[in-house]
Protein backbone atom coordinates (compact mmCIF):
# COMPACT_ATOMS: atom_id res chain seq x y z
CA MET A 1 91.33 141.18 178.78
CA THR A 2 92.18 137.95 177.23
CA ARG A 3 95.86 138.77 176.52
CA HIS A 4 96.41 139.84 180.10
CA VAL A 5 94.71 136.69 181.56
CA GLU A 6 96.42 134.35 179.04
CA ALA A 7 99.83 135.96 180.05
CA TYR A 8 99.16 135.21 183.69
CA CYS A 9 98.26 131.62 182.96
CA ARG A 10 101.20 131.01 180.71
CA ASP A 11 103.56 132.68 183.01
CA PHE A 12 102.34 130.58 186.00
CA ILE A 13 102.56 127.24 184.15
CA GLU A 14 105.91 128.09 182.85
CA TRP A 15 107.15 129.08 186.32
CA THR A 16 105.53 125.88 188.11
CA GLY A 17 106.15 123.37 185.28
CA ASP A 18 102.77 122.33 185.63
CA GLY A 19 101.81 120.43 182.39
CA THR A 20 98.35 119.46 183.56
CA VAL A 21 96.72 122.58 182.25
CA ASP A 22 96.34 122.85 178.39
CA ILE A 23 95.48 126.10 176.80
CA PRO A 24 95.12 125.28 173.04
CA THR A 25 93.99 128.84 172.18
CA ALA A 26 93.88 132.39 173.81
CA ASP A 27 90.11 132.40 173.73
CA ALA A 28 90.06 128.86 175.52
CA ILE A 29 91.56 130.56 178.57
CA TRP A 30 88.03 131.64 179.58
CA THR A 31 86.84 128.20 179.84
CA GLN A 32 89.32 127.85 182.92
CA VAL A 33 88.21 131.01 184.75
CA HIS A 34 85.10 130.65 187.13
CA PRO A 35 83.95 134.10 188.37
CA LYS A 36 82.89 134.01 192.00
CA GLY A 37 82.67 137.73 193.24
CA LEU A 38 82.19 141.16 192.07
CA PHE A 39 83.24 144.05 194.52
CA ILE A 40 83.23 147.85 194.52
CA ASP A 41 86.09 149.38 196.36
CA ASP A 42 84.99 153.07 196.77
CA GLU A 43 87.58 153.72 199.68
CA SER A 44 90.65 153.42 197.54
CA LEU A 45 89.92 156.01 194.87
CA SER A 46 91.88 156.08 191.61
CA PRO A 47 93.90 159.14 190.66
CA ALA A 48 90.89 160.23 188.45
CA ASN A 49 88.81 160.07 191.74
CA GLU A 50 86.95 156.80 190.60
CA ALA A 51 86.08 153.76 192.54
CA TYR A 52 87.70 150.52 191.52
CA VAL A 53 85.51 147.25 190.42
CA ILE A 54 87.08 144.18 191.44
CA VAL A 55 86.28 140.64 189.72
CA GLU A 56 87.45 137.70 191.78
CA ALA A 57 87.59 134.21 190.15
CA ASP A 58 88.87 130.81 190.55
CA CYS A 59 91.07 129.59 187.75
CA ASP A 60 92.13 126.03 186.89
CA TRP A 61 95.96 126.91 186.56
CA GLU A 62 96.25 128.66 190.15
CA PRO A 63 93.68 127.32 192.58
CA GLU A 64 95.52 128.85 195.55
CA HIS A 65 95.58 132.52 194.48
CA GLY A 66 92.86 132.52 191.66
CA LEU A 67 92.38 135.47 189.38
CA MET A 68 91.70 138.99 190.30
CA LEU A 69 90.86 141.74 187.76
CA CYS A 70 90.61 145.42 188.69
CA PHE A 71 89.08 148.11 186.76
CA GLU A 72 89.29 151.81 187.50
CA GLY A 73 85.88 153.30 187.31
CA GLY A 74 84.68 150.00 185.97
CA ARG A 75 86.11 150.57 182.62
CA THR A 76 89.81 150.53 182.44
CA LEU A 77 91.68 147.37 183.42
CA THR A 78 94.40 148.27 185.92
CA LYS A 79 95.56 145.02 187.40
CA CYS A 80 95.32 141.35 186.41
CA GLY A 81 96.96 138.41 188.42
CA GLY A 82 96.39 136.45 191.41
CA TYR A 83 94.35 137.83 194.28
CA ASP A 84 96.62 139.91 196.47
CA GLY A 85 94.46 142.86 197.54
CA HIS A 86 96.27 145.44 195.44
CA LEU A 87 94.17 147.43 192.84
CA THR A 88 97.21 148.46 190.70
CA ASN A 89 100.76 147.10 190.19
CA SER A 90 102.27 150.59 191.03
CA ASN A 91 100.48 150.28 194.41
CA ALA A 92 101.52 146.70 194.97
CA PHE A 93 105.23 147.39 194.31
CA ASP A 94 105.07 150.95 195.47
CA ASP A 95 106.53 152.21 192.17
CA GLU A 96 104.95 154.74 189.87
CA ARG A 97 106.84 153.37 186.91
CA MET A 98 104.60 150.33 187.01
CA ALA A 99 101.53 152.52 186.56
CA ASN A 100 100.89 151.10 183.04
CA VAL A 101 101.52 147.39 183.85
CA VAL A 102 98.49 145.22 183.94
CA TYR A 103 100.05 141.91 184.65
CA SER A 104 103.47 141.85 186.39
CA ALA A 105 105.05 138.56 185.33
CA LEU A 106 107.65 136.44 187.11
CA ASP A 107 109.12 136.15 183.62
CA PRO A 108 109.22 139.48 182.04
CA LYS A 109 108.46 138.14 178.58
CA PHE A 110 104.82 137.78 179.88
CA THR A 111 104.39 141.14 181.42
CA THR A 112 101.54 143.10 179.93
CA ARG A 113 100.78 146.78 179.82
CA ARG A 114 97.87 148.86 178.97
CA ASP A 115 97.36 150.02 175.54
CA PRO A 116 98.65 153.51 174.84
């Protein structure tokens, strides 16, 4: 998960020009994440007919939207980014071509995908 969360942080910092957040290493990103909720969405089932597990957290770099991590069946990370209520990027953008996208970045160089 680290690479997806780090991409979200770096993309946001670059986009906003906020130099107040310093991330010296990829693993240090977790010191700036503060979990606050765990939810199970069993109404929006995945294509594999599994519920989604959603972790909601505050994060130092984006205090307004925080961090949302969505897991299909509690195992497969399907979406990382600010809290927007969408469980996958293909759902968020109504585009099946984004089914493999975990973090959809403002700057495409930060976009991450699931491993094959």
